[in-house]
Amino acid sequence: MDRARTETLVRELLVELGEDPEREGLRSTPSRVAASLEFLVRGQSQDLAEVVNGAIFEQDTNDMVVVRDIELYSLCEHHLLPFFGRCHIGYLAKGKVLGASKLARIVDLFARRLQIQERLTNQIARAVMEAIGAQGVGVVVEARHLCMMMRGVEKRTSLLTTSSVLGSMHDSLPTRAEFLTLISKKHPT
């Protein structure tokens, strides 16, 4: 991203909005917005191998691994407004496991782009499948979209839920049911 060009564009946008980009509260806004956007879409310049960084471990197991409630933040590609929520990932190992923190990094890899939730969910599932050759992968994303909450229909309590199931998670109803049961359990207090 050309930071100087982005700052110029933000300054022009402020003028189009009827603002004075030289007033005290806005003088540094073009720079701050450019830095913010660079951070919020950094996933576009990363790839799966870089994020996984070799954290794949041989393990004689075919058990289910589930990580719940991974926080995610993204930008809706239609309005450039945030959506945020949580992601649940489960996979059936096939001789390899992935470092648990890498699942959160995979979520960020795809969330930190201009996105729609449906594609995001599928990209996460496919990336986990690709990274470790799992027997099956399930991903559920639950998110609130500011483009729906603060503009348009203005439904502040709406929650969009999407899922992607691949391999044995798709083909086996009992396996899928186990995954869905595990992600719906309440946290111990």
N, C-alpha and C. Protein backbone atom coordinates (compact mmCIF):
# COMPACT_ATOMS: atom_id res chain seq x y z
N MET A 1 0.85 -1.18 0.00
CA MET A 1 0.00 0.00 0.00
C MET A 1 0.89 1.24 0.00
N ASP A 2 0.56 2.18 -0.83
CA ASP A 2 1.27 3.45 -0.89
C ASP A 2 0.68 4.37 0.18
N ARG A 3 1.39 4.46 1.30
CA ARG A 3 0.88 5.19 2.46
C ARG A 3 0.64 6.67 2.13
N ALA A 4 1.56 7.31 1.42
CA ALA A 4 1.41 8.73 1.09
C ALA A 4 0.19 8.95 0.20
N ARG A 5 -0.01 8.08 -0.77
CA ARG A 5 -1.18 8.20 -1.67
C ARG A 5 -2.48 8.01 -0.88
N THR A 6 -2.48 7.04 0.05
CA THR A 6 -3.66 6.80 0.86
C THR A 6 -3.97 8.02 1.73
N GLU A 7 -2.96 8.63 2.31
CA GLU A 7 -3.16 9.83 3.11
C GLU A 7 -3.79 10.95 2.27
N THR A 8 -3.31 11.11 1.04
CA THR A 8 -3.87 12.12 0.14
C THR A 8 -5.35 11.84 -0.13
N LEU A 9 -5.67 10.58 -0.38
CA LEU A 9 -7.06 10.20 -0.66
C LEU A 9 -7.96 10.45 0.56
N VAL A 10 -7.45 10.15 1.75
CA VAL A 10 -8.25 10.39 2.97
C VAL A 10 -8.46 11.89 3.16
N ARG A 11 -7.43 12.66 2.91
CA ARG A 11 -7.56 14.12 3.02
C ARG A 11 -8.64 14.61 2.04
N GLU A 12 -8.62 14.10 0.80
CA GLU A 12 -9.63 14.47 -0.19
C GLU A 12 -11.03 14.03 0.25
N LEU A 13 -11.13 12.89 0.84
CA LEU A 13 -12.41 12.39 1.34
C LEU A 13 -12.95 13.32 2.43
N LEU A 14 -12.09 13.74 3.33
CA LEU A 14 -12.51 14.66 4.39
C LEU A 14 -13.10 15.94 3.80
N VAL A 15 -12.45 16.46 2.76
CA VAL A 15 -12.95 17.66 2.09
C VAL A 15 -14.32 17.37 1.48
N GLU A 16 -14.48 16.20 0.82
CA GLU A 16 -15.77 15.83 0.21
C GLU A 16 -16.87 15.70 1.26
N LEU A 17 -16.49 15.35 2.48
CA LEU A 17 -17.46 15.23 3.57
C LEU A 17 -17.79 16.58 4.20
N GLY A 18 -17.18 17.65 3.67
CA GLY A 18 -17.46 18.99 4.18
C GLY A 18 -16.60 19.37 5.36
N GLU A 19 -15.52 18.66 5.57
CA GLU A 19 -14.62 18.92 6.70
C GLU A 19 -13.40 19.72 6.26
N ASP A 20 -12.74 20.27 7.23
CA ASP A 20 -11.48 20.97 7.01
C ASP A 20 -10.36 20.07 7.53
N PRO A 21 -9.59 19.42 6.65
CA PRO A 21 -8.55 18.51 7.11
C PRO A 21 -7.41 19.20 7.86
N GLU A 22 -7.43 20.53 7.91
CA GLU A 22 -6.39 21.27 8.63
C GLU A 22 -6.83 21.66 10.03
N ARG A 23 -8.09 21.40 10.38
CA ARG A 23 -8.49 21.74 11.75
C ARG A 23 -7.81 20.79 12.72
N GLU A 24 -7.68 21.25 13.95
CA GLU A 24 -6.87 20.54 14.96
C GLU A 24 -7.20 19.05 15.07
N GLY A 25 -8.46 18.69 15.17
CA GLY A 25 -8.82 17.29 15.38
C GLY A 25 -8.60 16.39 14.18
N LEU A 26 -8.42 16.98 13.00
CA LEU A 26 -8.29 16.19 11.78
C LEU A 26 -6.89 16.22 11.15
N ARG A 27 -6.00 17.06 11.66
CA ARG A 27 -4.68 17.21 11.03
C ARG A 27 -3.95 15.89 10.85
N SER A 28 -4.01 15.02 11.83
CA SER A 28 -3.29 13.74 11.75
C SER A 28 -4.18 12.59 11.29
N THR A 29 -5.44 12.88 11.02
CA THR A 29 -6.37 11.81 10.63
C THR A 29 -5.95 11.08 9.36
N PRO A 30 -5.53 11.75 8.29
CA PRO A 30 -5.12 11.00 7.10
C PRO A 30 -4.01 9.99 7.39
N SER A 31 -3.06 10.37 8.20
CA SER A 31 -1.97 9.47 8.56
C SER A 31 -2.47 8.30 9.41
N ARG A 32 -3.34 8.62 10.38
CA ARG A 32 -3.88 7.57 11.25
C ARG A 32 -4.76 6.59 10.47
N VAL A 33 -5.58 7.11 9.56
CA VAL A 33 -6.46 6.24 8.77
C VAL A 33 -5.62 5.35 7.85
N ALA A 34 -4.60 5.90 7.23
CA ALA A 34 -3.73 5.10 6.35
C ALA A 34 -3.07 3.97 7.14
N ALA A 35 -2.56 4.28 8.32
CA ALA A 35 -1.93 3.24 9.16
C ALA A 35 -2.95 2.20 9.59
N SER A 36 -4.14 2.66 9.93
CA SER A 36 -5.20 1.75 10.35
C SER A 36 -5.59 0.81 9.22
N LEU A 37 -5.80 1.35 8.03
CA LEU A 37 -6.18 0.52 6.89
C LEU A 37 -5.10 -0.49 6.55
N GLU A 38 -3.86 -0.06 6.62
CA GLU A 38 -2.74 -0.96 6.34
C GLU A 38 -2.78 -2.16 7.29
N PHE A 39 -3.06 -1.90 8.57
CA PHE A 39 -3.16 -2.96 9.57
C PHE A 39 -4.38 -3.84 9.31
N LEU A 40 -5.52 -3.22 9.01
CA LEU A 40 -6.78 -3.95 8.88
C LEU A 40 -6.84 -4.85 7.65
N VAL A 41 -6.03 -4.59 6.65
CA VAL A 41 -6.02 -5.45 5.46
C VAL A 41 -4.68 -6.16 5.26
N ARG A 42 -3.91 -6.30 6.32
CA ARG A 42 -2.58 -6.90 6.20
C ARG A 42 -2.62 -8.36 5.74
N GLY A 43 -3.74 -9.03 5.93
CA GLY A 43 -3.87 -10.41 5.49
C GLY A 43 -3.73 -10.58 3.98
N GLN A 44 -4.02 -9.51 3.23
CA GLN A 44 -3.89 -9.57 1.78
C GLN A 44 -2.47 -9.79 1.33
N SER A 45 -1.51 -9.41 2.15
CA SER A 45 -0.10 -9.55 1.76
C SER A 45 0.57 -10.74 2.44
N GLN A 46 -0.20 -11.57 3.15
CA GLN A 46 0.34 -12.76 3.80
C GLN A 46 -0.15 -14.01 3.08
N ASP A 47 0.55 -15.12 3.30
CA ASP A 47 0.06 -16.38 2.75
C ASP A 47 0.06 -17.45 3.84
N LEU A 48 -0.58 -18.57 3.54
CA LEU A 48 -0.78 -19.63 4.52
C LEU A 48 0.53 -20.17 5.07
N ALA A 49 1.50 -20.43 4.21
CA ALA A 49 2.78 -20.99 4.66
C ALA A 49 3.48 -20.06 5.64
N GLU A 50 3.42 -18.76 5.37
CA GLU A 50 4.03 -17.76 6.25
C GLU A 50 3.37 -17.78 7.63
N VAL A 51 2.05 -17.90 7.64
CA VAL A 51 1.30 -17.87 8.90
C VAL A 51 1.50 -19.15 9.70
N VAL A 52 1.46 -20.30 9.03
CA VAL A 52 1.63 -21.59 9.73
C VAL A 52 3.07 -21.74 10.21
N ASN A 53 4.01 -21.27 9.42
CA ASN A 53 5.42 -21.20 9.81
C ASN A 53 5.95 -22.53 10.38
N GLY A 54 5.58 -23.63 9.75
CA GLY A 54 6.12 -24.93 10.13
C GLY A 54 5.55 -25.54 11.40
N ALA A 55 4.53 -24.95 11.97
CA ALA A 55 3.97 -25.46 13.24
C ALA A 55 2.98 -26.60 12.99
N ILE A 56 3.42 -27.58 12.22
CA ILE A 56 2.64 -28.79 11.94
C ILE A 56 3.42 -29.94 12.56
N PHE A 57 2.73 -30.72 13.38
CA PHE A 57 3.42 -31.75 14.16
C PHE A 57 2.84 -33.12 13.87
N GLU A 58 3.74 -34.08 13.61
CA GLU A 58 3.33 -35.47 13.42
C GLU A 58 2.77 -35.97 14.74
N GLN A 59 1.61 -36.56 14.69
CA GLN A 59 0.97 -37.09 15.90
C GLN A 59 0.11 -38.26 15.49
N ASP A 60 0.32 -39.40 16.13
CA ASP A 60 -0.44 -40.60 15.80
C ASP A 60 -1.84 -40.48 16.39
N THR A 61 -2.69 -39.72 15.70
CA THR A 61 -4.05 -39.51 16.19
C THR A 61 -5.00 -39.28 15.02
N ASN A 62 -6.22 -39.66 15.23
CA ASN A 62 -7.28 -39.33 14.29
C ASN A 62 -8.45 -38.72 15.06
N ASP A 63 -8.12 -38.08 16.18
CA ASP A 63 -9.13 -37.48 17.05
C ASP A 63 -9.54 -36.10 16.56
N MET A 64 -10.64 -35.62 17.15
CA MET A 64 -11.12 -34.29 16.81
C MET A 64 -10.41 -33.25 17.69
N VAL A 65 -10.03 -32.17 17.06
CA VAL A 65 -9.41 -31.04 17.75
C VAL A 65 -10.33 -29.84 17.50
N VAL A 66 -10.69 -29.14 18.58
CA VAL A 66 -11.61 -28.00 18.45
C VAL A 66 -11.04 -26.82 19.22
N VAL A 67 -11.04 -25.66 18.58
CA VAL A 67 -10.73 -24.39 19.25
C VAL A 67 -11.95 -23.50 19.05
N ARG A 68 -12.50 -23.03 20.16
CA ARG A 68 -13.72 -22.22 20.13
C ARG A 68 -13.41 -20.76 20.43
N ASP A 69 -14.34 -19.94 20.04
CA ASP A 69 -14.37 -18.53 20.44
C ASP A 69 -13.11 -17.76 20.07
N ILE A 70 -12.60 -17.99 18.87
CA ILE A 70 -11.49 -17.19 18.36
C ILE A 70 -12.07 -15.85 17.91
N GLU A 71 -11.64 -14.77 18.52
CA GLU A 71 -12.14 -13.45 18.15
C GLU A 71 -11.71 -13.12 16.73
N LEU A 72 -12.61 -12.46 16.00
CA LEU A 72 -12.22 -12.00 14.67
C LEU A 72 -12.80 -10.61 14.41
N TYR A 73 -12.05 -9.87 13.61
CA TYR A 73 -12.43 -8.53 13.19
C TYR A 73 -12.11 -8.42 11.71
N SER A 74 -13.06 -7.92 10.94
CA SER A 74 -12.84 -7.79 9.51
C SER A 74 -13.55 -6.55 9.01
N LEU A 75 -13.37 -6.26 7.71
CA LEU A 75 -14.03 -5.14 7.06
C LEU A 75 -14.92 -5.68 5.95
N CYS A 76 -16.17 -5.31 5.98
CA CYS A 76 -17.13 -5.66 4.93
C CYS A 76 -16.67 -5.02 3.62
N GLU A 77 -16.55 -5.82 2.59
CA GLU A 77 -16.08 -5.28 1.32
C GLU A 77 -17.12 -4.41 0.62
N HIS A 78 -18.35 -4.47 1.06
CA HIS A 78 -19.40 -3.68 0.40
C HIS A 78 -19.46 -2.24 0.91
N HIS A 79 -19.16 -2.03 2.21
CA HIS A 79 -19.29 -0.69 2.79
C HIS A 79 -18.03 -0.23 3.52
N LEU A 80 -17.02 -1.09 3.59
CA LEU A 80 -15.79 -0.81 4.34
C LEU A 80 -16.09 -0.52 5.81
N LEU A 81 -17.10 -1.17 6.33
CA LEU A 81 -17.42 -1.06 7.75
C LEU A 81 -17.05 -2.37 8.42
N PRO A 82 -16.71 -2.30 9.70
CA PRO A 82 -16.28 -3.53 10.40
C PRO A 82 -17.40 -4.54 10.61
N PHE A 83 -16.99 -5.80 10.64
CA PHE A 83 -17.81 -6.83 11.25
C PHE A 83 -16.91 -7.60 12.20
N PHE A 84 -17.50 -8.12 13.26
CA PHE A 84 -16.69 -8.72 14.31
C PHE A 84 -17.48 -9.84 14.98
N GLY A 85 -16.76 -10.77 15.52
CA GLY A 85 -17.43 -11.89 16.19
C GLY A 85 -16.44 -12.94 16.62
N ARG A 86 -16.87 -14.20 16.44
CA ARG A 86 -16.00 -15.29 16.88
C ARG A 86 -16.09 -16.43 15.88
N CYS A 87 -15.04 -17.21 15.90
CA CYS A 87 -14.90 -18.32 14.98
C CYS A 87 -14.62 -19.58 15.80
N HIS A 88 -15.24 -20.67 15.40
CA HIS A 88 -15.01 -21.98 16.02
C HIS A 88 -14.46 -22.88 14.91
N ILE A 89 -13.36 -23.57 15.21
CA ILE A 89 -12.73 -24.46 14.23
C ILE A 89 -12.57 -25.83 14.85
N GLY A 90 -12.94 -26.83 14.09
CA GLY A 90 -12.70 -28.21 14.49
C GLY A 90 -12.14 -28.98 13.31
N TYR A 91 -11.24 -29.92 13.61
CA TYR A 91 -10.75 -30.78 12.53
C TYR A 91 -10.50 -32.17 13.06
N LEU A 92 -10.63 -33.14 12.17
CA LEU A 92 -10.30 -34.52 12.48
C LEU A 92 -8.89 -34.76 11.97
N ALA A 93 -7.99 -34.95 12.90
CA ALA A 93 -6.58 -35.12 12.56
C ALA A 93 -6.38 -36.40 11.76
N LYS A 94 -5.35 -36.39 10.95
CA LYS A 94 -4.95 -37.58 10.19
C LYS A 94 -3.42 -37.66 10.24
N GLY A 95 -2.92 -37.93 11.46
CA GLY A 95 -1.48 -38.08 11.64
C GLY A 95 -0.72 -36.79 11.83
N LYS A 96 -1.41 -35.65 11.74
CA LYS A 96 -0.76 -34.35 11.91
C LYS A 96 -1.69 -33.44 12.68
N VAL A 97 -1.09 -32.60 13.55
CA VAL A 97 -1.85 -31.57 14.25
C VAL A 97 -1.17 -30.23 14.00
N LEU A 98 -1.96 -29.19 14.15
CA LEU A 98 -1.50 -27.83 13.92
C LEU A 98 -1.37 -27.13 15.26
N GLY A 99 -0.30 -26.38 15.47
CA GLY A 99 -0.17 -25.60 16.70
C GLY A 99 -1.44 -24.78 16.92
N ALA A 100 -2.00 -24.85 18.12
CA ALA A 100 -3.31 -24.24 18.39
C ALA A 100 -3.33 -22.76 18.04
N SER A 101 -2.28 -22.03 18.34
CA SER A 101 -2.28 -20.59 18.04
C SER A 101 -2.30 -20.33 16.54
N LYS A 102 -1.88 -21.30 15.76
CA LYS A 102 -1.89 -21.13 14.30
C LYS A 102 -3.31 -21.09 13.76
N LEU A 103 -4.24 -21.75 14.45
CA LEU A 103 -5.63 -21.66 14.02
C LEU A 103 -6.12 -20.22 14.13
N ALA A 104 -5.78 -19.55 15.23
CA ALA A 104 -6.14 -18.14 15.38
C ALA A 104 -5.45 -17.28 14.32
N ARG A 105 -4.23 -17.61 13.99
CA ARG A 105 -3.51 -16.84 12.96
C ARG A 105 -4.12 -17.05 11.58
N ILE A 106 -4.62 -18.27 11.32
CA ILE A 106 -5.31 -18.51 10.05
C ILE A 106 -6.58 -17.69 9.98
N VAL A 107 -7.30 -17.59 11.08
CA VAL A 107 -8.50 -16.75 11.11
C VAL A 107 -8.12 -15.31 10.74
N ASP A 108 -7.08 -14.79 11.38
CA ASP A 108 -6.65 -13.41 11.09
C ASP A 108 -6.16 -13.25 9.66
N LEU A 109 -5.49 -14.26 9.12
CA LEU A 109 -5.00 -14.20 7.74
C LEU A 109 -6.12 -13.83 6.78
N PHE A 110 -7.28 -14.45 6.97
CA PHE A 110 -8.39 -14.19 6.05
C PHE A 110 -9.33 -13.08 6.53
N ALA A 111 -9.41 -12.87 7.84
CA ALA A 111 -10.28 -11.80 8.36
C ALA A 111 -9.68 -10.42 8.07
N ARG A 112 -8.37 -10.32 8.05
CA ARG A 112 -7.71 -9.04 7.82
C ARG A 112 -7.60 -8.74 6.33
N ARG A 113 -8.75 -8.77 5.69
CA ARG A 113 -8.89 -8.45 4.27
C ARG A 113 -10.27 -7.82 4.10
N LEU A 114 -10.51 -7.21 2.96
CA LEU A 114 -11.88 -6.82 2.65
C LEU A 114 -12.63 -8.12 2.39
N GLN A 115 -13.75 -8.33 3.10
CA GLN A 115 -14.34 -9.67 3.13
C GLN A 115 -15.85 -9.64 3.10
N ILE A 116 -16.40 -10.81 2.84
CA ILE A 116 -17.76 -11.14 3.20
C ILE A 116 -17.66 -12.38 4.09
N GLN A 117 -18.55 -12.51 5.04
CA GLN A 117 -18.44 -13.56 6.04
C GLN A 117 -18.52 -14.96 5.42
N GLU A 118 -19.35 -15.13 4.41
CA GLU A 118 -19.52 -16.43 3.79
C GLU A 118 -18.19 -16.93 3.19
N ARG A 119 -17.49 -16.05 2.48
CA ARG A 119 -16.21 -16.43 1.89
C ARG A 119 -15.16 -16.65 2.98
N LEU A 120 -15.15 -15.78 3.97
CA LEU A 120 -14.20 -15.91 5.08
C LEU A 120 -14.29 -17.29 5.73
N THR A 121 -15.50 -17.73 6.01
CA THR A 121 -15.72 -19.03 6.66
C THR A 121 -15.14 -20.15 5.81
N ASN A 122 -15.41 -20.12 4.52
CA ASN A 122 -14.92 -21.15 3.62
C ASN A 122 -13.41 -21.11 3.47
N GLN A 123 -12.83 -19.92 3.40
CA GLN A 123 -11.37 -19.79 3.27
C GLN A 123 -10.65 -20.38 4.48
N ILE A 124 -11.19 -20.13 5.66
CA ILE A 124 -10.57 -20.67 6.88
C ILE A 124 -10.60 -22.20 6.84
N ALA A 125 -11.76 -22.77 6.50
CA ALA A 125 -11.89 -24.23 6.46
C ALA A 125 -10.93 -24.83 5.44
N ARG A 126 -10.85 -24.26 4.27
CA ARG A 126 -9.97 -24.80 3.23
C ARG A 126 -8.50 -24.67 3.61
N ALA A 127 -8.15 -23.60 4.28
CA ALA A 127 -6.76 -23.40 4.70
C ALA A 127 -6.34 -24.44 5.74
N VAL A 128 -7.22 -24.72 6.70
CA VAL A 128 -6.89 -25.75 7.71
C VAL A 128 -6.75 -27.10 7.02
N MET A 129 -7.67 -27.43 6.12
CA MET A 129 -7.60 -28.69 5.38
C MET A 129 -6.30 -28.79 4.60
N GLU A 130 -5.95 -27.72 3.92
CA GLU A 130 -4.72 -27.70 3.12
C GLU A 130 -3.47 -27.82 3.99
N ALA A 131 -3.46 -27.12 5.11
CA ALA A 131 -2.26 -27.07 5.95
C ALA A 131 -1.88 -28.44 6.51
N ILE A 132 -2.87 -29.22 6.93
CA ILE A 132 -2.52 -30.50 7.60
C ILE A 132 -3.15 -31.74 6.97
N GLY A 133 -3.87 -31.58 5.88
CA GLY A 133 -4.48 -32.74 5.25
C GLY A 133 -5.42 -33.48 6.18
N ALA A 134 -6.23 -32.73 6.90
CA ALA A 134 -7.15 -33.33 7.88
C ALA A 134 -8.17 -34.21 7.18
N GLN A 135 -8.75 -35.15 7.96
CA GLN A 135 -9.84 -35.98 7.43
C GLN A 135 -11.08 -35.13 7.17
N GLY A 136 -11.27 -34.15 8.02
CA GLY A 136 -12.42 -33.27 7.90
C GLY A 136 -12.19 -32.00 8.67
N VAL A 137 -12.88 -30.94 8.27
CA VAL A 137 -12.75 -29.65 8.93
C VAL A 137 -14.15 -29.03 9.03
N GLY A 138 -14.41 -28.41 10.18
CA GLY A 138 -15.64 -27.65 10.36
C GLY A 138 -15.30 -26.27 10.89
N VAL A 139 -15.94 -25.26 10.33
CA VAL A 139 -15.74 -23.88 10.78
C VAL A 139 -17.11 -23.23 10.90
N VAL A 140 -17.34 -22.58 12.03
CA VAL A 140 -18.55 -21.78 12.23
C VAL A 140 -18.11 -20.38 12.63
N VAL A 141 -18.66 -19.37 11.95
CA VAL A 141 -18.37 -17.98 12.27
C VAL A 141 -19.69 -17.30 12.64
N GLU A 142 -19.68 -16.59 13.77
CA GLU A 142 -20.81 -15.80 14.22
C GLU A 142 -20.33 -14.36 14.32
N ALA A 143 -21.00 -13.45 13.61
CA ALA A 143 -20.50 -12.08 13.59
C ALA A 143 -21.62 -11.05 13.51
N ARG A 144 -21.30 -9.88 14.03
CA ARG A 144 -22.18 -8.71 13.96
C ARG A 144 -21.57 -7.75 12.94
N HIS A 145 -22.43 -7.24 12.06
CA HIS A 145 -21.98 -6.40 10.95
C HIS A 145 -22.46 -4.97 11.15
N LEU A 146 -21.50 -4.05 11.29
CA LEU A 146 -21.87 -2.64 11.47
C LEU A 146 -22.59 -2.08 10.25
N CYS A 147 -22.35 -2.65 9.07
CA CYS A 147 -23.07 -2.17 7.89
C CYS A 147 -24.56 -2.46 7.98
N MET A 148 -24.93 -3.44 8.80
CA MET A 148 -26.33 -3.76 9.01
C MET A 148 -26.85 -3.12 10.30
N MET A 149 -25.97 -2.82 11.23
CA MET A 149 -26.38 -2.31 12.53
C MET A 149 -26.53 -0.79 12.56
N MET A 150 -25.62 -0.06 11.90
CA MET A 150 -25.63 1.39 12.04
C MET A 150 -26.07 2.13 10.78
N ARG A 151 -26.41 1.41 9.73
CA ARG A 151 -26.94 2.02 8.51
C ARG A 151 -27.96 1.04 7.93
N GLY A 152 -28.53 1.38 6.81
CA GLY A 152 -29.48 0.47 6.17
C GLY A 152 -30.64 0.11 7.07
N VAL A 153 -30.80 -1.19 7.38
CA VAL A 153 -31.93 -1.65 8.18
C VAL A 153 -31.79 -1.36 9.66
N GLU A 154 -30.59 -1.00 10.12
CA GLU A 154 -30.32 -0.63 11.52
C GLU A 154 -30.84 -1.67 12.51
N LYS A 155 -30.42 -2.90 12.35
CA LYS A 155 -30.80 -3.99 13.26
C LYS A 155 -29.61 -4.31 14.15
N ARG A 156 -29.59 -3.68 15.32
CA ARG A 156 -28.43 -3.73 16.20
C ARG A 156 -28.19 -5.07 16.87
N THR A 157 -29.18 -5.92 16.97
CA THR A 157 -28.97 -7.20 17.66
C THR A 157 -28.80 -8.37 16.69
N SER A 158 -28.75 -8.09 15.41
CA SER A 158 -28.64 -9.17 14.43
C SER A 158 -27.27 -9.84 14.50
N LEU A 159 -27.27 -11.14 14.24
CA LEU A 159 -26.05 -11.95 14.27
C LEU A 159 -26.08 -12.86 13.06
N LEU A 160 -25.05 -12.80 12.24
CA LEU A 160 -24.96 -13.66 11.07
C LEU A 160 -24.10 -14.87 11.43
N THR A 161 -24.62 -16.07 11.15
CA THR A 161 -23.89 -17.31 11.41
C THR A 161 -23.67 -18.03 10.09
N THR A 162 -22.41 -18.41 9.84
CA THR A 162 -22.07 -19.15 8.63
C THR A 162 -21.26 -20.37 9.02
N SER A 163 -21.34 -21.41 8.20
CA SER A 163 -20.54 -22.61 8.47
C SER A 163 -19.99 -23.17 7.18
N SER A 164 -18.88 -23.86 7.31
CA SER A 164 -18.27 -24.59 6.20
C SER A 164 -17.77 -25.90 6.77
N VAL A 165 -18.20 -27.00 6.16
CA VAL A 165 -17.76 -28.33 6.60
C VAL A 165 -17.20 -29.06 5.39
N LEU A 166 -16.02 -29.63 5.56
CA LEU A 166 -15.31 -30.29 4.47
C LEU A 166 -14.94 -31.72 4.88
N GLY A 167 -14.75 -32.57 3.91
CA GLY A 167 -14.30 -33.94 4.16
C GLY A 167 -15.28 -34.70 5.02
N SER A 168 -14.75 -35.41 6.01
CA SER A 168 -15.61 -36.24 6.86
C SER A 168 -16.59 -35.42 7.70
N MET A 169 -16.28 -34.16 7.95
CA MET A 169 -17.24 -33.31 8.67
C MET A 169 -18.48 -33.07 7.79
N HIS A 170 -18.29 -33.07 6.50
CA HIS A 170 -19.40 -32.91 5.57
C HIS A 170 -20.13 -34.23 5.35
N ASP A 171 -19.37 -35.31 5.21
CA ASP A 171 -19.93 -36.59 4.81
C ASP A 171 -20.56 -37.39 5.95
N SER A 172 -20.13 -37.15 7.18
CA SER A 172 -20.61 -37.95 8.31
C SER A 172 -21.45 -37.09 9.25
N LEU A 173 -22.73 -37.37 9.30
CA LEU A 173 -23.61 -36.60 10.19
C LEU A 173 -23.22 -36.74 11.65
N PRO A 174 -22.84 -37.94 12.15
CA PRO A 174 -22.42 -38.04 13.56
C PRO A 174 -21.16 -37.20 13.86
N THR A 175 -20.22 -37.16 12.92
CA THR A 175 -19.01 -36.37 13.11
C THR A 175 -19.35 -34.88 13.16
N ARG A 176 -20.20 -34.45 12.25
CA ARG A 176 -20.62 -33.06 12.24
C ARG A 176 -21.37 -32.72 13.53
N ALA A 177 -22.23 -33.63 13.98
CA ALA A 177 -22.99 -33.41 15.21
C ALA A 177 -22.06 -33.30 16.42
N GLU A 178 -21.00 -34.12 16.46
CA GLU A 178 -20.04 -34.04 17.55
C GLU A 178 -19.38 -32.66 17.58
N PHE A 179 -18.96 -32.19 16.41
CA PHE A 179 -18.34 -30.87 16.31
C PHE A 179 -19.30 -29.78 16.79
N LEU A 180 -20.53 -29.81 16.31
CA LEU A 180 -21.50 -28.79 16.69
C LEU A 180 -21.82 -28.85 18.19
N THR A 181 -21.84 -30.04 18.76
CA THR A 181 -22.06 -30.19 20.20
C THR A 181 -20.90 -29.58 20.99
N LEU A 182 -19.68 -29.86 20.54
CA LEU A 182 -18.51 -29.35 21.26
C LEU A 182 -18.44 -27.83 21.22
N ILE A 183 -18.83 -27.20 20.12
CA ILE A 183 -18.74 -25.75 20.08
C ILE A 183 -19.90 -25.07 20.78
N SER A 184 -20.95 -25.82 21.10
CA SER A 184 -22.11 -25.20 21.76
C SER A 184 -22.08 -25.36 23.27
N LYS A 185 -21.12 -26.11 23.81
CA LYS A 185 -21.04 -26.29 25.26
C LYS A 185 -20.67 -24.97 25.93
N LYS A 186 -21.22 -24.75 27.10
CA LYS A 186 -20.92 -23.54 27.86
C LYS A 186 -19.53 -23.66 28.46
N HIS A 187 -18.85 -22.53 28.55
CA HIS A 187 -17.54 -22.50 29.21
C HIS A 187 -17.72 -22.80 30.70
N PRO A 188 -16.77 -23.53 31.30
CA PRO A 188 -16.83 -23.71 32.75
C PRO A 188 -16.57 -22.38 33.45
N THR A 189 -17.24 -22.17 34.56
CA THR A 189 -17.05 -20.89 35.27
C THR A 189 -16.13 -21.02 36.44
